[in-house]
Amino acid sequence: MFESYWDACFDRPLPTREGRHLRTLRDAYEFIRARCAYPGHPLARATLSALHAAAQSGGSPEARRAQERTARLMRINRWGGN
């Protein structure tokens, strides 16, 4: 990963089923890479790309989009808490 804004925080942490909370772009990227059996799947690839774009730009709209995509991927795969 490139060093840029990977430690930028989400607006709200994303809870996982294990009780962990994804708070940063780096947390989400590493979580998805570790959990996703097929990172080449279009939804996983789009989510990882959104996280990468947000880390490169450091902009709030990109981080919000990355958070929404991460939450959606977690919901679909039942990785999220609640």
Protein backbone atom coordinates (compact mmCIF):
# COMPACT_ATOMS: atom_id res chain seq x y z
CA MET A 1 0.00 0.00 0.00
CA PHE A 2 1.14 3.51 -0.72
CA GLU A 3 1.64 5.84 2.19
CA SER A 4 -0.90 8.62 1.96
CA TYR A 5 -4.19 8.92 3.80
CA TRP A 6 -4.63 5.25 4.78
CA ASP A 7 -5.11 6.26 8.42
CA ALA A 8 -8.02 8.59 7.61
CA CYS A 9 -10.98 7.74 9.86
CA PHE A 10 -14.47 6.85 8.72
CA ASP A 11 -17.39 9.03 9.86
CA ARG A 12 -18.53 6.11 12.00
CA PRO A 13 -16.75 2.81 12.73
CA LEU A 14 -18.03 -0.29 10.94
CA PRO A 15 -18.60 -3.18 13.38
CA THR A 16 -17.62 -6.71 12.42
CA ARG A 17 -19.22 -9.94 13.60
CA GLU A 18 -16.15 -10.63 15.75
CA GLY A 19 -16.71 -7.42 17.70
CA ARG A 20 -13.90 -5.50 16.00
CA HIS A 21 -14.54 -2.02 14.59
CA LEU A 22 -13.12 -0.85 11.27
CA ARG A 23 -12.18 2.77 11.93
CA THR A 24 -9.80 3.69 9.11
CA LEU A 25 -9.33 3.10 5.40
CA ARG A 26 -6.40 0.83 6.28
CA ASP A 27 -8.54 -1.23 8.70
CA ALA A 28 -11.17 -1.77 6.02
CA TYR A 29 -8.67 -2.58 3.26
CA GLU A 30 -6.80 -5.13 5.37
CA PHE A 31 -10.05 -6.66 6.66
CA ILE A 32 -11.43 -7.16 3.15
CA ARG A 33 -8.12 -8.53 1.81
CA ALA A 34 -8.00 -11.03 4.68
CA ARG A 35 -11.65 -12.10 4.51
CA CYS A 36 -12.41 -12.09 0.81
CA ALA A 37 -11.90 -15.51 -0.78
CA TYR A 38 -12.02 -13.98 -4.26
CA PRO A 39 -10.71 -10.38 -4.25
CA GLY A 40 -11.15 -10.29 -8.04
CA HIS A 41 -14.94 -10.37 -7.66
CA PRO A 42 -16.37 -7.15 -9.13
CA LEU A 43 -17.90 -5.93 -5.84
CA ALA A 44 -14.76 -6.69 -3.83
CA ARG A 45 -12.56 -5.12 -6.51
CA ALA A 46 -14.76 -1.99 -6.63
CA THR A 47 -14.63 -1.69 -2.83
CA LEU A 48 -10.85 -2.09 -2.69
CA SER A 49 -10.51 0.43 -5.52
CA ALA A 50 -12.73 2.92 -3.67
CA LEU A 51 -10.61 2.51 -0.53
CA HIS A 52 -7.44 3.02 -2.57
CA ALA A 53 -8.85 6.13 -4.29
CA ALA A 54 -9.88 7.58 -0.93
CA ALA A 55 -6.41 6.94 0.49
CA GLN A 56 -4.80 8.63 -2.49
CA SER A 57 -7.04 11.69 -2.53
CA GLY A 58 -7.62 12.19 1.17
CA GLY A 59 -10.95 13.74 0.26
CA SER A 60 -14.09 13.37 2.31
CA PRO A 61 -16.41 12.41 -0.60
CA GLU A 62 -14.10 9.58 -1.62
CA ALA A 63 -13.80 8.36 1.98
CA ARG A 64 -17.58 8.43 2.36
CA ARG A 65 -18.00 6.44 -0.87
CA ALA A 66 -15.39 3.92 0.31
CA GLN A 67 -17.16 3.57 3.66
CA GLU A 68 -20.52 2.97 1.94
CA ARG A 69 -19.02 0.36 -0.40
CA THR A 70 -17.27 -1.36 2.52
CA ALA A 71 -20.50 -1.45 4.54
CA ARG A 72 -22.37 -2.90 1.55
CA LEU A 73 -19.76 -5.61 0.96
CA MET A 74 -19.81 -6.48 4.66
CA ARG A 75 -23.61 -6.66 4.66
CA ILE A 76 -23.74 -8.90 1.58
CA ASN A 77 -21.12 -11.28 2.98
CA ARG A 78 -22.57 -11.11 6.52
CA TRP A 79 -19.25 -9.92 7.90
CA GLY A 80 -20.78 -6.98 9.74
CA GLY A 81 -22.12 -6.87 13.26
CA ASN A 82 -25.81 -6.45 14.19
